[in-house]
Amino acid sequence: MPKGSDLLVAALENEGVDRIFGVPGEENLDVVESLRNSRIKLVLTRHEQGAAFMAATHGRLGVCLTTLGPGALNLTTGAAYALLGAMPMIMITGQKGIMSSRQARFQIVDVVGAFRPLTKLSRQVVSPGSIPTLVRDAFRIAMEERPGPVLLELPEDIAGEHADLAPTVPPHPIEIPVAHRAALNPAAKMIMAAKRPLVMLGAAASRPRGAAGLAGFVRRAQIPFFTTQMGKGAVARDAGL
């Protein structure tokens, strides 16, 4: 019979996760053990903040892992960085058992509440059976426009609790919002009528799926452009401009 941590790792594999950045500890040992028997590589970091930055800048969507309290709060800078930069990221933090606690309030911080202003979603896992659905929901929300970080808190008793095998939820394509023609046509007329148009490309423009479209636009319109610090790379240097 699988444990909650097994269901979590199976759900992460279902999402295509190949590595997790983080720091192991008492409250996430079940998750670490489940990772040991999976295809996912655990990349150890010296500090939780480094794990968050690595997850925020890793490929399609990064995942980081910490323990409770001080370890979890060390993710705040990385969470803010991902939220401001529209970077999808999943943060998994540990917590003392929610059914029973033998250490009173030692290192217990309201991590879920602390991360609400810094994430698109911040939730605690309260039962193993809900893990597949929560993980799918977390990835969906992290990837939807505007992308950003999501936090899931997994208490150690839920991670270690045996449960019936819960099926994973198949990933589905993320809907991409498209501007209506009624909005695009007036915008195009304003741009073409401008005497000295200038394009500024910020963080929201620096998305893999938008690179070709942006390059094509500035090439056809012959409009000079510049990027902000977070928009660097939005248009490749070899785009023929």
C-alpha atoms as a PDB file:
ATOM      1  CA  MET A   1       0.000   0.000   0.000  1.00  0.00           C
ATOM      2  CA  PRO A   2       1.567   3.325  -1.026  1.00  0.00           C
ATOM      3  CA  LYS A   3       2.275   6.210   1.310  1.00  0.00           C
ATOM      4  CA  GLY A   4       1.316   9.807   0.736  1.00  0.00           C
ATOM      5  CA  SER A   5       4.886  10.552  -0.350  1.00  0.00           C
ATOM      6  CA  ASP A   6       4.675   7.782  -2.974  1.00  0.00           C
ATOM      7  CA  LEU A   7       1.509   9.337  -4.380  1.00  0.00           C
ATOM      8  CA  LEU A   8       3.233  12.731  -4.469  1.00  0.00           C
ATOM      9  CA  VAL A   9       6.255  11.447  -6.364  1.00  0.00           C
ATOM     10  CA  ALA A  10       4.053   9.481  -8.789  1.00  0.00           C
ATOM     11  CA  ALA A  11       2.074  12.666  -9.467  1.00  0.00           C
ATOM     12  CA  LEU A  12       5.300  14.607 -10.077  1.00  0.00           C
ATOM     13  CA  GLU A  13       6.508  11.941 -12.500  1.00  0.00           C
ATOM     14  CA  ASN A  14       3.141  12.187 -14.235  1.00  0.00           C
ATOM     15  CA  GLU A  15       3.870  15.896 -14.798  1.00  0.00           C
ATOM     16  CA  GLY A  16       7.217  15.111 -16.399  1.00  0.00           C
ATOM     17  CA  VAL A  17       9.404  16.278 -13.497  1.00  0.00           C
ATOM     18  CA  ASP A  18      12.942  14.937 -13.909  1.00  0.00           C
ATOM     19  CA  ARG A  19      14.691  16.671 -10.996  1.00  0.00           C
ATOM     20  CA  ILE A  20      13.917  18.463  -7.761  1.00  0.00           C
ATOM     21  CA  PHE A  21      16.175  21.002  -6.068  1.00  0.00           C
ATOM     22  CA  GLY A  22      16.195  21.116  -2.300  1.00  0.00           C
ATOM     23  CA  VAL A  23      17.394  20.356   1.180  1.00  0.00           C
ATOM     24  CA  PRO A  24      16.326  17.146   2.973  1.00  0.00           C
ATOM     25  CA  GLY A  25      15.302  17.103   6.612  1.00  0.00           C
ATOM     26  CA  GLU A  26      13.202  15.312   9.185  1.00  0.00           C
ATOM     27  CA  GLU A  27       9.855  16.527   7.870  1.00  0.00           C
ATOM     28  CA  ASN A  28      10.434  15.473   4.250  1.00  0.00           C
ATOM     29  CA  LEU A  29      12.309  12.189   4.742  1.00  0.00           C
ATOM     30  CA  ASP A  30       9.374  10.156   3.404  1.00  0.00           C
ATOM     31  CA  VAL A  31       9.416  12.231   0.222  1.00  0.00           C
ATOM     32  CA  VAL A  32      13.190  11.828  -0.085  1.00  0.00           C
ATOM     33  CA  GLU A  33      12.841   8.046   0.288  1.00  0.00           C
ATOM     34  CA  SER A  34      10.098   7.944  -2.346  1.00  0.00           C
ATOM     35  CA  LEU A  35      12.299   9.991  -4.672  1.00  0.00           C
ATOM     36  CA  ARG A  36      15.118   7.483  -4.181  1.00  0.00           C
ATOM     37  CA  ASN A  37      12.949   4.810  -5.778  1.00  0.00           C
ATOM     38  CA  SER A  38      11.767   7.031  -8.646  1.00  0.00           C
ATOM     39  CA  ARG A  39      13.084   8.425 -11.932  1.00  0.00           C
ATOM     40  CA  ILE A  40      13.353  11.898 -10.394  1.00  0.00           C
ATOM     41  CA  LYS A  41      16.803  13.135  -9.382  1.00  0.00           C
ATOM     42  CA  LEU A  42      17.133  15.061  -6.122  1.00  0.00           C
ATOM     43  CA  VAL A  43      19.666  17.859  -6.553  1.00  0.00           C
ATOM     44  CA  LEU A  44      20.983  18.880  -3.139  1.00  0.00           C
ATOM     45  CA  THR A  45      21.610  22.564  -2.539  1.00  0.00           C
ATOM     46  CA  ARG A  46      23.504  24.315   0.238  1.00  0.00           C
ATOM     47  CA  HIS A  47      20.585  26.612   1.014  1.00  0.00           C
ATOM     48  CA  GLU A  48      16.846  26.637   0.347  1.00  0.00           C
ATOM     49  CA  GLN A  49      17.040  30.028  -1.368  1.00  0.00           C
ATOM     50  CA  GLY A  50      19.385  28.564  -3.960  1.00  0.00           C
ATOM     51  CA  ALA A  51      16.940  25.706  -4.512  1.00  0.00           C
ATOM     52  CA  ALA A  52      14.147  28.199  -5.192  1.00  0.00           C
ATOM     53  CA  PHE A  53      16.200  30.194  -7.701  1.00  0.00           C
ATOM     54  CA  MET A  54      17.270  27.010  -9.466  1.00  0.00           C
ATOM     55  CA  ALA A  55      13.676  25.800  -9.679  1.00  0.00           C
ATOM     56  CA  ALA A  56      12.467  29.173 -10.969  1.00  0.00           C
ATOM     57  CA  THR A  57      14.939  29.156 -13.858  1.00  0.00           C
ATOM     58  CA  HIS A  58      14.924  25.433 -14.699  1.00  0.00           C
ATOM     59  CA  GLY A  59      13.342  24.482 -18.006  1.00  0.00           C
ATOM     60  CA  ARG A  60       9.578  24.300 -18.419  1.00  0.00           C
ATOM     61  CA  LEU A  61       8.671  24.227 -14.756  1.00  0.00           C
ATOM     62  CA  GLY A  62      10.962  23.684 -11.762  1.00  0.00           C
ATOM     63  CA  VAL A  63      10.267  22.034  -8.416  1.00  0.00           C
ATOM     64  CA  CYS A  64      11.990  22.652  -5.087  1.00  0.00           C
ATOM     65  CA  LEU A  65      11.744  20.875  -1.731  1.00  0.00           C
ATOM     66  CA  THR A  66      12.345  22.042   1.850  1.00  0.00           C
ATOM     67  CA  THR A  67      11.503  21.162   5.425  1.00  0.00           C
ATOM     68  CA  LEU A  68       9.320  23.269   7.725  1.00  0.00           C
ATOM     69  CA  GLY A  69       9.622  26.644   9.467  1.00  0.00           C
ATOM     70  CA  PRO A  70      12.938  28.404   8.814  1.00  0.00           C
ATOM     71  CA  GLY A  71      13.762  26.113   5.888  1.00  0.00           C
ATOM     72  CA  ALA A  72      10.436  26.813   4.204  1.00  0.00           C
ATOM     73  CA  LEU A  73      10.654  30.559   4.815  1.00  0.00           C
ATOM     74  CA  ASN A  74      14.020  30.602   3.065  1.00  0.00           C
ATOM     75  CA  LEU A  75      12.059  30.124  -0.171  1.00  0.00           C
ATOM     76  CA  THR A  76      10.384  33.528   0.086  1.00  0.00           C
ATOM     77  CA  THR A  77      12.974  35.429  -1.964  1.00  0.00           C
ATOM     78  CA  GLY A  78      12.835  32.840  -4.742  1.00  0.00           C
ATOM     79  CA  ALA A  79       9.033  32.859  -4.646  1.00  0.00           C
ATOM     80  CA  ALA A  80       8.947  36.639  -5.031  1.00  0.00           C
ATOM     81  CA  TYR A  81      11.461  36.417  -7.873  1.00  0.00           C
ATOM     82  CA  ALA A  82       9.301  33.861  -9.695  1.00  0.00           C
ATOM     83  CA  LEU A  83       6.093  35.813  -9.091  1.00  0.00           C
ATOM     84  CA  LEU A  84       7.552  39.083 -10.407  1.00  0.00           C
ATOM     85  CA  GLY A  85       9.207  37.358 -13.357  1.00  0.00           C
ATOM     86  CA  ALA A  86       6.196  35.194 -14.312  1.00  0.00           C
ATOM     87  CA  MET A  87       8.184  31.989 -13.809  1.00  0.00           C
ATOM     88  CA  PRO A  88       6.184  28.805 -13.131  1.00  0.00           C
ATOM     89  CA  MET A  89       7.509  26.926 -10.109  1.00  0.00           C
ATOM     90  CA  ILE A  90       6.254  24.355  -7.601  1.00  0.00           C
ATOM     91  CA  MET A  91       7.461  24.593  -3.993  1.00  0.00           C
ATOM     92  CA  ILE A  92       6.929  21.583  -1.703  1.00  0.00           C
ATOM     93  CA  THR A  93       7.490  22.243   1.988  1.00  0.00           C
ATOM     94  CA  GLY A  94       7.322  19.990   5.003  1.00  0.00           C
ATOM     95  CA  GLN A  95       5.415  20.494   8.229  1.00  0.00           C
ATOM     96  CA  LYS A  96       4.937  18.783  11.586  1.00  0.00           C
ATOM     97  CA  GLY A  97       2.135  16.281  11.770  1.00  0.00           C
ATOM     98  CA  ILE A  98      -1.320  17.851  11.742  1.00  0.00           C
ATOM     99  CA  MET A  99      -3.068  14.924  13.447  1.00  0.00           C
ATOM    100  CA  SER A 100      -0.729  14.927  16.442  1.00  0.00           C
ATOM    101  CA  SER A 101       2.310  16.907  17.543  1.00  0.00           C
ATOM    102  CA  ARG A 102       4.697  15.995  20.364  1.00  0.00           C
ATOM    103  CA  GLN A 103       6.847  19.115  20.156  1.00  0.00           C
ATOM    104  CA  ALA A 104       4.175  21.732  20.827  1.00  0.00           C
ATOM    105  CA  ARG A 105       4.750  24.700  18.489  1.00  0.00           C
ATOM    106  CA  PHE A 106       8.475  24.133  17.935  1.00  0.00           C
ATOM    107  CA  GLN A 107       9.426  25.607  14.516  1.00  0.00           C
ATOM    108  CA  ILE A 108       5.787  25.529  13.410  1.00  0.00           C
ATOM    109  CA  VAL A 109       5.123  28.543  11.204  1.00  0.00           C
ATOM    110  CA  ASP A 110       2.008  29.263   9.163  1.00  0.00           C
ATOM    111  CA  VAL A 111       3.872  28.666   5.911  1.00  0.00           C
ATOM    112  CA  VAL A 112       0.713  28.491   3.820  1.00  0.00           C
ATOM    113  CA  GLY A 113      -0.401  31.906   5.090  1.00  0.00           C
ATOM    114  CA  ALA A 114       3.062  33.434   4.775  1.00  0.00           C
ATOM    115  CA  PHE A 115       3.314  32.476   1.102  1.00  0.00           C
ATOM    116  CA  ARG A 116      -0.142  33.591  -0.043  1.00  0.00           C
ATOM    117  CA  PRO A 117       1.066  37.085  -1.103  1.00  0.00           C
ATOM    118  CA  LEU A 118       4.035  35.538  -2.941  1.00  0.00           C
ATOM    119  CA  THR A 119       2.289  32.756  -4.873  1.00  0.00           C
ATOM    120  CA  LYS A 120      -0.609  32.103  -7.201  1.00  0.00           C
ATOM    121  CA  LEU A 121      -1.763  29.320  -4.865  1.00  0.00           C
ATOM    122  CA  SER A 122      -0.677  28.206  -1.389  1.00  0.00           C
ATOM    123  CA  ARG A 123      -2.280  25.073   0.087  1.00  0.00           C
ATOM    124  CA  GLN A 124      -1.747  22.393   2.716  1.00  0.00           C
ATOM    125  CA  VAL A 125      -2.251  18.736   1.851  1.00  0.00           C
ATOM    126  CA  VAL A 126      -4.624  17.220   4.429  1.00  0.00           C
ATOM    127  CA  SER A 127      -5.119  13.695   3.040  1.00  0.00           C
ATOM    128  CA  PRO A 128      -3.058  11.330   0.843  1.00  0.00           C
ATOM    129  CA  GLY A 129      -5.987  10.637  -1.476  1.00  0.00           C
ATOM    130  CA  SER A 130      -6.163  14.275  -2.550  1.00  0.00           C
ATOM    131  CA  ILE A 131      -2.505  14.467  -3.606  1.00  0.00           C
ATOM    132  CA  PRO A 132      -2.876  13.570  -7.328  1.00  0.00           C
ATOM    133  CA  THR A 133      -5.614  16.162  -7.815  1.00  0.00           C
ATOM    134  CA  LEU A 134      -3.759  18.845  -5.848  1.00  0.00           C
ATOM    135  CA  VAL A 135      -0.523  18.289  -7.774  1.00  0.00           C
ATOM    136  CA  ARG A 136      -2.319  18.487 -11.145  1.00  0.00           C
ATOM    137  CA  ASP A 137      -4.088  21.645 -10.011  1.00  0.00           C
ATOM    138  CA  ALA A 138      -0.802  23.141  -8.797  1.00  0.00           C
ATOM    139  CA  PHE A 139       0.908  22.583 -12.144  1.00  0.00           C
ATOM    140  CA  ARG A 140      -2.077  23.924 -14.067  1.00  0.00           C
ATOM    141  CA  ILE A 141      -2.246  27.110 -12.015  1.00  0.00           C
ATOM    142  CA  ALA A 142       1.530  27.621 -12.141  1.00  0.00           C
ATOM    143  CA  MET A 143       1.516  27.389 -15.953  1.00  0.00           C
ATOM    144  CA  GLU A 144      -1.611  29.409 -16.700  1.00  0.00           C
ATOM    145  CA  GLU A 145      -1.248  33.077 -17.571  1.00  0.00           C
ATOM    146  CA  ARG A 146       0.274  34.857 -15.807  1.00  0.00           C
ATOM    147  CA  PRO A 147       2.676  32.007 -14.816  1.00  0.00           C
ATOM    148  CA  GLY A 148       4.095  31.983 -11.301  1.00  0.00           C
ATOM    149  CA  PRO A 149       4.940  29.963  -8.191  1.00  0.00           C
ATOM    150  CA  VAL A 150       2.649  27.588  -6.304  1.00  0.00           C
ATOM    151  CA  LEU A 151       3.251  26.161  -2.825  1.00  0.00           C
ATOM    152  CA  LEU A 152       2.107  22.803  -1.459  1.00  0.00           C
ATOM    153  CA  GLU A 153       2.720  22.034   2.211  1.00  0.00           C
ATOM    154  CA  LEU A 154       2.934  18.309   2.976  1.00  0.00           C
ATOM    155  CA  PRO A 155       2.803  17.482   6.723  1.00  0.00           C
ATOM    156  CA  GLU A 156       4.997  14.551   7.718  1.00  0.00           C
ATOM    157  CA  ASP A 157       2.116  12.407   8.989  1.00  0.00           C
ATOM    158  CA  ILE A 158       0.258  12.810   5.692  1.00  0.00           C
ATOM    159  CA  ALA A 159       3.452  11.981   3.782  1.00  0.00           C
ATOM    160  CA  GLY A 160       3.946   8.825   5.835  1.00  0.00           C
ATOM    161  CA  GLU A 161       0.313   7.713   5.922  1.00  0.00           C
ATOM    162  CA  HIS A 162      -0.584   4.601   3.944  1.00  0.00           C
ATOM    163  CA  ALA A 163      -3.494   4.991   1.572  1.00  0.00           C
ATOM    164  CA  ASP A 164      -5.238   3.299  -1.302  1.00  0.00           C
ATOM    165  CA  LEU A 165      -3.576   3.818  -4.645  1.00  0.00           C
ATOM    166  CA  ALA A 166      -4.991   7.017  -6.123  1.00  0.00           C
ATOM    167  CA  PRO A 167      -4.799   7.378  -9.918  1.00  0.00           C
ATOM    168  CA  THR A 168      -2.850  10.285 -11.326  1.00  0.00           C
ATOM    169  CA  VAL A 169      -4.684  12.969 -13.280  1.00  0.00           C
ATOM    170  CA  PRO A 170      -3.564  13.201 -16.938  1.00  0.00           C
ATOM    171  CA  PRO A 171      -2.006  16.586 -17.814  1.00  0.00           C
ATOM    172  CA  HIS A 172      -3.855  18.629 -20.406  1.00  0.00           C
ATOM    173  CA  PRO A 173      -2.848  21.544 -22.647  1.00  0.00           C
ATOM    174  CA  ILE A 174      -2.924  24.957 -21.023  1.00  0.00           C
ATOM    175  CA  GLU A 175      -5.269  27.406 -22.676  1.00  0.00           C
ATOM    176  CA  ILE A 176      -3.398  30.433 -23.997  1.00  0.00           C
ATOM    177  CA  PRO A 177      -5.385  33.690 -24.026  1.00  0.00           C
ATOM    178  CA  VAL A 178      -5.562  35.312 -27.447  1.00  0.00           C
ATOM    179  CA  ALA A 179      -6.539  38.931 -28.007  1.00  0.00           C
ATOM    180  CA  HIS A 180      -9.697  39.467 -30.039  1.00  0.00           C
ATOM    181  CA  ARG A 181      -9.371  40.952 -33.515  1.00  0.00           C
ATOM    182  CA  ALA A 182     -11.480  43.898 -32.365  1.00  0.00           C
ATOM    183  CA  ALA A 183      -8.638  44.805 -29.997  1.00  0.00           C
ATOM    184  CA  LEU A 184      -5.754  43.926 -32.336  1.00  0.00           C
ATOM    185  CA  ASN A 185      -6.823  46.035 -35.307  1.00  0.00           C
ATOM    186  CA  PRO A 186      -6.978  49.374 -33.439  1.00  0.00           C
ATOM    187  CA  ALA A 187      -3.663  48.607 -31.775  1.00  0.00           C
ATOM    188  CA  ALA A 188      -2.053  47.888 -35.151  1.00  0.00           C
ATOM    189  CA  LYS A 189      -3.399  51.163 -36.578  1.00  0.00           C
ATOM    190  CA  MET A 190      -2.023  53.129 -33.637  1.00  0.00           C
ATOM    191  CA  ILE A 191       1.413  51.537 -34.024  1.00  0.00           C
ATOM    192  CA  MET A 192       1.598  52.121 -37.766  1.00  0.00           C
ATOM    193  CA  ALA A 193       0.432  55.726 -37.369  1.00  0.00           C
ATOM    194  CA  ALA A 194       3.014  56.517 -34.686  1.00  0.00           C
ATOM    195  CA  LYS A 195       5.836  58.867 -35.758  1.00  0.00           C
ATOM    196  CA  ARG A 196       8.537  57.384 -33.538  1.00  0.00           C
ATOM    197  CA  PRO A 197       7.331  53.986 -32.285  1.00  0.00           C
ATOM    198  CA  LEU A 198       9.509  52.110 -29.830  1.00  0.00           C
ATOM    199  CA  VAL A 199       8.911  48.587 -28.494  1.00  0.00           C
ATOM    200  CA  MET A 200       9.803  47.730 -24.905  1.00  0.00           C
ATOM    201  CA  LEU A 201      10.012  44.013 -24.153  1.00  0.00           C
ATOM    202  CA  GLY A 202       9.683  43.073 -20.479  1.00  0.00           C
ATOM    203  CA  ALA A 203       9.478  39.878 -18.461  1.00  0.00           C
ATOM    204  CA  ALA A 204       6.106  38.865 -19.903  1.00  0.00           C
ATOM    205  CA  ALA A 205       7.606  38.886 -23.409  1.00  0.00           C
ATOM    206  CA  SER A 206      10.370  36.462 -22.494  1.00  0.00           C
ATOM    207  CA  ARG A 207       8.433  33.236 -23.128  1.00  0.00           C
ATOM    208  CA  PRO A 208       9.591  30.433 -25.448  1.00  0.00           C
ATOM    209  CA  ARG A 209       6.295  30.329 -27.343  1.00  0.00           C
ATOM    210  CA  GLY A 210       6.382  34.088 -28.019  1.00  0.00           C
ATOM    211  CA  ALA A 211       9.934  34.423 -29.339  1.00  0.00           C
ATOM    212  CA  ALA A 212       9.153  33.698 -33.006  1.00  0.00           C
ATOM    213  CA  GLY A 213       6.109  35.960 -33.066  1.00  0.00           C
ATOM    214  CA  LEU A 214       7.929  38.879 -31.474  1.00  0.00           C
ATOM    215  CA  ALA A 215      10.900  38.542 -33.806  1.00  0.00           C
ATOM    216  CA  GLY A 216       8.582  38.425 -36.799  1.00  0.00           C
ATOM    217  CA  PHE A 217       6.679  41.484 -35.633  1.00  0.00           C
ATOM    218  CA  VAL A 218       9.674  43.768 -35.109  1.00  0.00           C
ATOM    219  CA  ARG A 219      11.246  42.501 -38.352  1.00  0.00           C
ATOM    220  CA  ARG A 220       8.167  43.260 -40.457  1.00  0.00           C
ATOM    221  CA  ALA A 221       7.353  46.562 -38.756  1.00  0.00           C
ATOM    222  CA  GLN A 222      10.998  47.698 -38.648  1.00  0.00           C
ATOM    223  CA  ILE A 223      10.372  49.220 -35.222  1.00  0.00           C
ATOM    224  CA  PRO A 224      13.374  49.642 -32.899  1.00  0.00           C
ATOM    225  CA  PHE A 225      13.086  47.762 -29.611  1.00  0.00           C
ATOM    226  CA  PHE A 226      14.842  47.360 -26.291  1.00  0.00           C
ATOM    227  CA  THR A 227      14.465  44.986 -23.395  1.00  0.00           C
ATOM    228  CA  THR A 228      14.241  45.455 -19.679  1.00  0.00           C
ATOM    229  CA  GLN A 229      16.505  43.420 -17.402  1.00  0.00           C
ATOM    230  CA  MET A 230      13.875  40.671 -17.146  1.00  0.00           C
ATOM    231  CA  GLY A 231      13.107  40.783 -20.870  1.00  0.00           C
ATOM    232  CA  LYS A 232      16.592  39.932 -22.112  1.00  0.00           C
ATOM    233  CA  GLY A 233      16.515  37.159 -24.687  1.00  0.00           C
ATOM    234  CA  ALA A 234      12.908  37.795 -25.695  1.00  0.00           C
ATOM    235  CA  VAL A 235      14.133  38.323 -29.279  1.00  0.00           C
ATOM    236  CA  ALA A 236      17.169  36.312 -30.291  1.00  0.00           C
ATOM    237  CA  ARG A 237      20.213  38.103 -31.667  1.00  0.00           C
ATOM    238  CA  ASP A 238      20.156  35.931 -34.801  1.00  0.00           C
ATOM    239  CA  ALA A 239      16.562  36.897 -35.649  1.00  0.00           C
ATOM    240  CA  GLY A 240      17.750  38.790 -38.720  1.00  0.00           C
ATOM    241  CA  LEU A 241      17.195  42.272 -37.257  1.00  0.00           C
END
